[in-house]
Protein backbone atom coordinates (compact mmCIF):
# COMPACT_ATOMS: atom_id res chain seq x y z
CA MET A 1 160.10 -55.87 152.69
CA LYS A 2 157.82 -56.51 155.83
CA LYS A 3 154.80 -55.87 153.88
CA ASN A 4 155.91 -58.83 151.13
CA MET A 5 156.80 -61.13 154.11
CA ILE A 6 153.24 -60.49 155.89
CA THR A 7 152.07 -61.23 152.06
CA THR A 8 153.85 -64.23 151.55
CA ALA A 9 152.81 -65.65 155.42
CA GLU A 10 149.57 -64.97 154.19
CA LEU A 11 149.23 -66.87 151.38
CA ARG A 12 151.09 -70.09 152.75
CA VAL A 13 148.43 -69.84 155.09
CA LYS A 14 145.56 -69.66 152.81
CA ALA A 15 147.17 -72.41 150.73
CA ILE A 16 147.18 -74.61 153.36
CA TYR A 17 143.71 -73.82 153.93
CA LEU A 18 142.68 -74.58 150.75
CA HIS A 19 144.70 -77.72 150.62
CA GLU A 20 142.97 -79.09 153.99
CA SER A 21 139.63 -77.93 152.63
CA SER A 22 140.25 -79.71 149.03
CA ILE A 23 141.22 -82.92 151.31
CA ASN A 24 138.05 -82.44 153.72
CA LYS A 25 136.10 -81.88 150.61
CA THR A 26 137.69 -85.26 148.78
CA ARG A 27 136.55 -87.38 152.13
CA LEU A 28 133.16 -86.17 152.44
CA ILE A 29 132.78 -87.05 148.83
CA LEU A 30 134.38 -90.54 149.46
CA LYS A 31 132.64 -90.82 152.32
CA ALA A 32 129.08 -90.16 150.47
CA PHE A 33 130.02 -92.61 147.62
CA SER A 34 131.10 -95.19 150.08
CA ILE A 35 127.43 -94.56 151.69
CA ILE A 36 125.53 -94.85 148.12
CA VAL A 37 127.56 -98.00 147.29
CA ALA A 38 126.97 -99.71 150.27
CA ALA A 39 123.34 -98.62 149.60
CA LEU A 40 123.21 -100.12 146.70
CA LEU A 41 124.71 -103.55 147.78
CA ILE A 42 122.01 -104.06 150.37
CA PHE A 43 119.35 -103.00 148.17
CA GLU A 44 120.69 -105.98 145.35
CA ILE A 45 120.97 -108.09 148.33
CA THR A 46 117.55 -107.75 149.81
CA ASN A 47 115.99 -107.28 145.95
CA ALA A 48 118.04 -110.83 145.21
CA GLN A 49 116.52 -112.25 148.55
CA LYS A 50 112.99 -111.02 147.47
CA PHE A 51 112.84 -112.24 144.18
CA ASP A 52 115.01 -115.20 144.14
CA GLY A 53 111.92 -117.29 142.64
CA LYS A 54 111.65 -119.23 145.97
CA PHE A 55 109.03 -118.13 147.76
CA PHE A 56 107.78 -115.26 145.68
CA ASN A 57 104.49 -114.38 147.58
CA ASN A 58 101.71 -111.99 147.47
CA VAL A 59 102.27 -109.97 151.12
CA ASP A 60 101.36 -107.09 152.77
CA ALA A 61 103.77 -104.91 154.27
CA ASN A 62 104.08 -107.29 157.56
CA GLY A 63 104.55 -110.30 155.73
CA VAL A 64 100.51 -111.53 155.57
CA ILE A 65 99.52 -113.46 152.80
CA LEU A 66 95.81 -113.41 151.37
CA ASP A 67 95.11 -110.04 153.15
CA GLY A 68 94.83 -111.62 156.42
CA TYR A 69 92.06 -114.12 155.57
CA ASP A 70 91.82 -117.95 156.30
CA ALA A 71 93.22 -120.07 154.05
CA VAL A 72 91.60 -122.96 155.69
CA ALA A 73 88.17 -121.13 155.67
CA PHE A 74 87.84 -121.08 151.95
CA PHE A 75 87.75 -124.96 151.90
CA SER A 76 85.74 -125.68 155.00
CA ASP A 77 83.46 -123.06 154.92
CA ASN A 78 83.57 -122.00 151.08
CA LYS A 79 83.57 -118.51 151.74
CA PRO A 80 86.52 -115.66 152.60
CA VAL A 81 86.72 -115.66 156.13
CA LYS A 82 88.94 -113.00 157.91
CA GLY A 83 91.76 -114.34 160.14
CA ASP A 84 93.07 -113.34 163.35
CA ALA A 85 96.58 -112.26 164.26
CA GLN A 86 96.46 -114.55 167.53
CA PHE A 87 95.81 -117.76 165.23
CA GLN A 88 99.34 -117.44 162.91
CA TYR A 89 101.59 -119.54 161.43
CA LYS A 90 104.50 -118.70 158.92
CA TYR A 91 104.81 -121.28 156.21
CA GLU A 92 107.05 -120.42 153.06
CA ASP A 93 107.57 -117.12 154.13
CA ALA A 94 104.50 -115.90 154.34
CA ILE A 95 102.29 -115.40 157.56
CA TYR A 96 99.15 -116.76 157.75
CA TYR A 97 96.22 -115.83 159.62
CA PHE A 98 93.53 -118.22 160.98
CA ALA A 99 90.03 -117.81 162.34
CA SER A 100 90.46 -120.39 164.92
CA GLN A 101 93.14 -122.69 166.60
CA ASP A 102 91.36 -125.54 165.10
CA HIS A 103 91.83 -124.08 161.31
CA LEU A 104 95.49 -123.43 162.54
CA ASN A 105 96.08 -126.95 163.45
CA LEU A 106 94.43 -127.93 160.59
CA PHE A 107 96.69 -125.86 158.12
CA LYS A 108 99.75 -127.16 160.08
CA SER A 109 98.98 -130.62 159.49
CA ASN A 110 98.87 -130.17 155.86
CA PRO A 111 99.99 -126.76 154.29
CA GLU A 112 100.28 -127.90 150.91
CA LYS A 113 96.74 -128.87 150.91
CA TYR A 114 95.18 -125.48 152.23
CA LYS A 115 98.15 -122.88 150.80
CA PRO A 116 96.72 -120.36 147.89
CA GLN A 117 98.35 -121.73 144.71
CA PHE A 118 100.83 -119.24 142.70
CA GLY A 119 101.78 -117.33 145.94
CA ALA A 120 98.53 -116.13 146.01
CA TRP A 121 98.88 -114.06 143.02
CA CYS A 122 95.89 -113.89 140.42
CA ALA A 123 95.86 -117.45 139.11
CA TYR A 124 94.71 -115.97 135.52
CA ALA A 125 97.35 -113.33 135.27
CA VAL A 126 100.01 -115.97 136.05
CA SER A 127 98.68 -118.07 133.15
CA LEU A 128 99.64 -115.42 131.00
CA GLY A 129 103.28 -114.67 131.95
CA LYS A 130 102.99 -112.06 134.97
CA THR A 131 101.23 -111.50 138.42
CA ALA A 132 98.36 -109.26 139.23
CA PRO A 133 96.62 -108.68 143.05
CA ILE A 134 93.91 -110.26 144.14
CA ASP A 135 90.01 -110.05 145.34
CA VAL A 136 89.61 -112.91 148.02
CA ASN A 137 85.76 -113.14 146.65
CA THR A 138 86.95 -114.47 143.62
CA PHE A 139 88.29 -117.53 144.75
CA SER A 140 87.58 -121.22 143.56
CA ILE A 141 88.69 -124.75 144.47
CA VAL A 142 90.01 -126.63 141.31
CA ASP A 143 91.33 -130.00 141.94
CA GLY A 144 91.35 -129.49 145.62
CA ARG A 145 93.74 -126.20 144.93
CA LEU A 146 92.78 -123.10 146.19
CA VAL A 147 92.98 -120.43 143.28
CA ILE A 148 92.13 -116.97 143.09
CA GLN A 149 91.73 -114.29 140.69
CA HIS A 150 92.24 -110.35 140.44
CA ASN A 151 88.66 -109.11 139.78
CA GLN A 152 85.78 -110.66 137.46
CA ARG A 153 86.81 -109.96 134.04
CA ALA A 154 89.66 -112.48 135.28
CA VAL A 155 87.10 -114.86 136.55
CA SER A 156 85.11 -114.87 133.47
CA ALA A 157 88.55 -115.73 131.01
CA TRP A 158 89.58 -118.15 133.75
CA ASN A 159 86.36 -119.73 133.51
CA LYS A 160 86.72 -120.11 129.50
CA ASP A 161 89.32 -123.00 130.04
CA VAL A 162 89.86 -123.84 133.85
CA ALA A 163 91.80 -127.06 133.04
CA GLY A 164 93.89 -125.24 130.08
CA ASN A 165 94.56 -122.33 132.21
CA LEU A 166 95.78 -124.12 135.32
CA VAL A 167 98.44 -126.14 132.86
CA LYS A 168 99.38 -122.67 131.89
CA ALA A 169 99.57 -121.31 135.09
CA ASP A 170 101.57 -124.14 136.56
CA LYS A 171 104.00 -123.92 133.57
CA TYR A 172 104.58 -120.63 133.65
CA TRP A 173 104.65 -119.90 137.82
CA PRO A 174 108.09 -120.76 138.17
CA GLY A 175 109.79 -118.39 135.65
CA VAL A 176 106.69 -115.52 136.84
CA SER A 177 108.31 -116.17 140.34
CA THR A 178 112.03 -116.00 139.36
CA ASN A 179 111.25 -112.66 137.14
CA GLY A 180 109.74 -111.14 140.42
CA GLY A 181 106.17 -111.20 138.56
CA LYS A 182 107.19 -108.99 135.86
CA GLN A 183 105.69 -110.44 132.60
CA ILE A 184 107.60 -113.44 130.88
CA VAL A 185 107.55 -113.84 127.83
CA THR A 186 104.99 -117.11 126.96
CA ASP A 187 105.06 -119.98 124.43
CA GLU A 188 101.44 -118.68 123.18
CA GLU A 189 102.91 -115.00 122.60
CA LYS A 190 106.00 -116.36 120.80
CA GLY A 191 103.24 -116.65 117.58
CA PHE A 192 103.02 -112.72 117.21
CA LEU A 193 104.93 -110.14 115.84
CA ASN A 194 105.08 -106.70 117.73
CA ASN A 195 106.92 -103.70 117.58
CA THR A 196 107.58 -103.13 121.18
CA ASP A 197 110.40 -101.63 123.03
CA PRO A 198 112.76 -103.90 124.89
CA ASP A 199 110.23 -104.07 128.16
CA GLY A 200 107.61 -105.42 125.61
CA VAL A 201 105.74 -102.28 125.14
CA ILE A 202 103.77 -101.40 121.99
CA LEU A 203 103.34 -97.96 120.45
CA GLN A 204 105.56 -96.26 122.23
CA GLY A 205 103.43 -96.23 125.00
CA TYR A 206 100.74 -94.02 123.60
CA ASP A 207 97.14 -95.34 124.28
CA ALA A 208 95.57 -97.20 121.54
CA VAL A 209 92.22 -96.15 122.29
CA GLY A 210 92.83 -92.51 122.42
CA TYR A 211 93.14 -92.66 118.96
CA PHE A 212 89.68 -93.71 118.31
CA ALA A 213 88.17 -91.90 121.51
CA ASP A 214 89.93 -88.98 121.30
CA ASN A 215 91.04 -88.82 117.70
CA LYS A 216 94.56 -88.06 118.81
CA ALA A 217 98.00 -89.49 120.24
CA GLU A 218 97.92 -89.34 123.83
CA GLN A 219 100.71 -90.71 126.24
CA GLY A 220 99.60 -93.55 127.95
CA ASN A 221 100.55 -94.62 131.86
CA PRO A 222 101.86 -97.83 133.15
CA LYS A 223 99.55 -97.87 135.96
CA PHE A 224 96.86 -98.81 133.56
CA SER A 225 98.00 -101.16 131.42
CA THR A 226 97.37 -104.76 129.68
CA ARG A 227 98.60 -107.50 127.94
CA TYR A 228 97.77 -108.61 124.30
CA ASN A 229 98.71 -110.86 121.75
CA GLY A 230 102.71 -110.40 123.14
CA ALA A 231 102.83 -106.90 123.64
CA THR A 232 101.92 -104.57 126.85
CA TYR A 233 99.88 -101.60 126.11
CA TRP A 234 99.69 -98.49 128.17
CA PHE A 235 96.57 -96.50 128.75
CA SER A 236 95.76 -92.93 130.11
CA SER A 237 93.24 -93.80 132.02
CA GLU A 238 91.45 -96.93 133.41
CA GLU A 239 88.76 -96.02 131.43
CA HIS A 240 90.42 -96.64 128.47
CA ALA A 241 92.09 -99.77 130.01
CA ASN A 242 88.91 -101.59 130.61
CA THR A 243 87.50 -100.28 127.01
CA PHE A 244 90.40 -102.05 125.45
CA LYS A 245 90.19 -105.26 127.75
CA ASP A 246 86.76 -105.45 126.51
CA ASN A 247 87.56 -105.89 122.80
CA PRO A 248 91.04 -106.03 122.26
CA ALA A 249 91.11 -106.71 118.74
CA LYS A 250 89.03 -103.37 117.85
CA TYR A 251 91.86 -100.86 119.29
CA ALA A 252 94.93 -103.11 118.58
CA PRO A 253 96.98 -101.38 115.87
CA GLN A 254 97.14 -103.19 112.98
CA TYR A 255 100.27 -104.98 111.28
CA GLY A 256 101.77 -105.60 115.00
CA ALA A 257 102.48 -101.28 115.21
CA PHE A 258 105.06 -101.32 111.94
CA CYS A 259 104.32 -98.69 109.49
CA GLY A 260 101.81 -99.30 107.10
CA TYR A 261 102.97 -97.64 103.89
CA ALA A 262 106.01 -99.95 104.68
CA MET A 263 104.19 -102.97 105.21
CA SER A 264 102.38 -102.16 101.79
CA LEU A 265 105.90 -102.93 100.29
CA ASN A 266 106.40 -105.87 102.09
CA LYS A 267 109.00 -104.50 104.73
CA LEU A 268 108.99 -103.83 108.45
CA ARG A 269 109.63 -99.89 109.61
CA PRO A 270 109.26 -98.47 112.83
CA ILE A 271 106.46 -95.85 113.41
CA ASP A 272 106.19 -92.38 114.66
CA PRO A 273 102.94 -92.58 117.26
CA THR A 274 101.66 -89.52 116.55
CA ILE A 275 101.32 -90.19 112.73
CA PHE A 276 97.98 -92.16 112.56
CA GLN A 277 94.45 -92.72 110.75
CA ILE A 278 91.74 -95.07 111.23
CA VAL A 279 90.72 -96.53 107.97
CA ASP A 280 87.61 -98.83 108.42
CA GLY A 281 87.89 -99.13 111.59
CA ARG A 282 91.08 -100.19 112.02
CA LEU A 283 94.41 -98.21 113.24
CA ILE A 284 97.35 -97.77 111.37
CA LEU A 285 100.11 -95.57 111.91
CA GLN A 286 103.02 -94.32 109.76
CA HIS A 287 106.55 -93.70 109.93
CA THR A 288 106.87 -90.30 108.82
CA GLN A 289 104.56 -87.73 107.35
CA ASP A 290 106.14 -88.65 103.90
CA ALA A 291 104.98 -92.16 104.20
CA TYR A 292 101.45 -91.14 105.11
CA GLN A 293 101.37 -88.81 102.08
CA GLN A 294 102.29 -92.12 99.76
CA PHE A 295 99.81 -94.60 101.97
CA ASN A 296 97.20 -92.11 101.14
CA LYS A 297 97.55 -91.75 97.62
CA ASP A 298 95.81 -94.67 97.52
CA VAL A 299 94.26 -96.13 100.90
CA ALA A 300 92.30 -99.04 99.69
CA GLY A 301 95.25 -100.47 97.47
CA ASN A 302 97.69 -99.86 99.86
CA THR A 303 95.89 -101.34 102.81
CA ALA A 304 95.11 -104.49 100.54
CA LYS A 305 98.68 -104.41 100.28
CA ALA A 306 99.54 -104.64 103.54
CA ASP A 307 97.14 -107.09 104.58
CA GLY A 308 98.29 -109.24 102.01
CA ASN A 309 101.76 -108.87 103.39
CA TRP A 310 101.61 -109.03 106.76
CA PRO A 311 100.86 -112.74 107.35
CA GLY A 312 104.22 -113.50 105.96
CA GLN A 313 106.17 -111.11 107.92
CA GLU A 314 104.57 -112.35 110.94
CA LYS A 315 105.26 -116.09 110.18
CA LYS A 316 109.18 -114.90 109.31
CA HIS A 317 109.69 -113.11 112.29
CA ALA A 318 107.53 -114.05 114.96
CA GLY A 319 109.18 -114.94 118.17
CA LYS A 320 112.75 -113.24 116.88
CA LYS A 321 114.39 -110.57 117.67
CA ILE A 322 112.93 -107.53 115.33
CA LYS A 323 115.45 -106.16 112.78
CA PHE A 324 113.89 -103.24 110.78
CA ASP A 325 114.42 -103.20 107.17
CA LYS A 326 116.47 -100.66 105.36
CA PRO A 327 113.94 -97.55 103.72
CA ALA A 328 112.48 -98.23 100.21
CA THR A 329 114.17 -97.19 97.19
CA PRO A 330 112.03 -94.60 96.29
CA ALA A 331 110.55 -93.94 92.54
CA PRO A 332 112.27 -91.21 90.68
CA GLU A 333 108.89 -89.52 90.00
CA ASN A 334 107.96 -89.75 93.30
CA ASN A 335 110.80 -88.13 94.93
CA VAL A 336 110.21 -90.30 98.25
CA THR A 337 113.57 -90.51 100.66
CA THR A 338 112.14 -92.74 103.72
CA LYS A 339 109.14 -95.09 104.49
């Protein structure tokens, strides 16, 4: 009986211990959860403040704009001149450094005259509906406004139509800044039809140049990317990205990266990016191996059909949300199930 009483007491103590442990664990979980929620709220508030579209500037970790170069010197000296932290001034949430007190005073007297356009982001990139970093050596003064580009390739593209590109940059800057610098769909891009994911990435992120250079499907990296005809392309290396930029029409997939065989049937169907072929220097992808086989029964004829159908599909669906067509009904003798 005594043994049973001790056992019962022990069980009660154990039960109390387990109950208290359970409470403590619950408290720890609730505390951790509250910390996570608080952190998320802080992140959201900070993010909203940073990307509210009011002053979306290209600044460093200390809030300094123009990589610390003197904004006034671009006008007065016609060259980049490094500023000095002892001559600084904060304007529109960005800290400006100047080479002298005179330059600081000039800026303070008329900051709108001297400040870089588009938050000191690449002007050409903004004209395409996105942001990119800058190289201060690419600057130019356009109609009394300081514009700076990302690199010499951007300079060349910008200079093809300075007035027109400036109009586009002015037009898209409010949307780009409000979107935190992420790509927006421009009016020009609405005229194209592409098979992209919700983020606008084509080929499911596979490297368009890799199909040609390495004869294989290679997954791209968002670190190496560019925008072309309304789609974002990823590449496996900077070399491939630059190769594409030099001649995008050569490497871009045919039919907006929709299934080539389906297009020969006048249908929009998805692709498997690993099923591809180069036909007369053109990248064509298919939905399935079955579609690949059917397409290759008459490559020239099916390519001609797809080429003829594509303009109509592009005109009909460009700028709209893509809805894939249902698989084609196979001819009885072909025993084909999906395209």
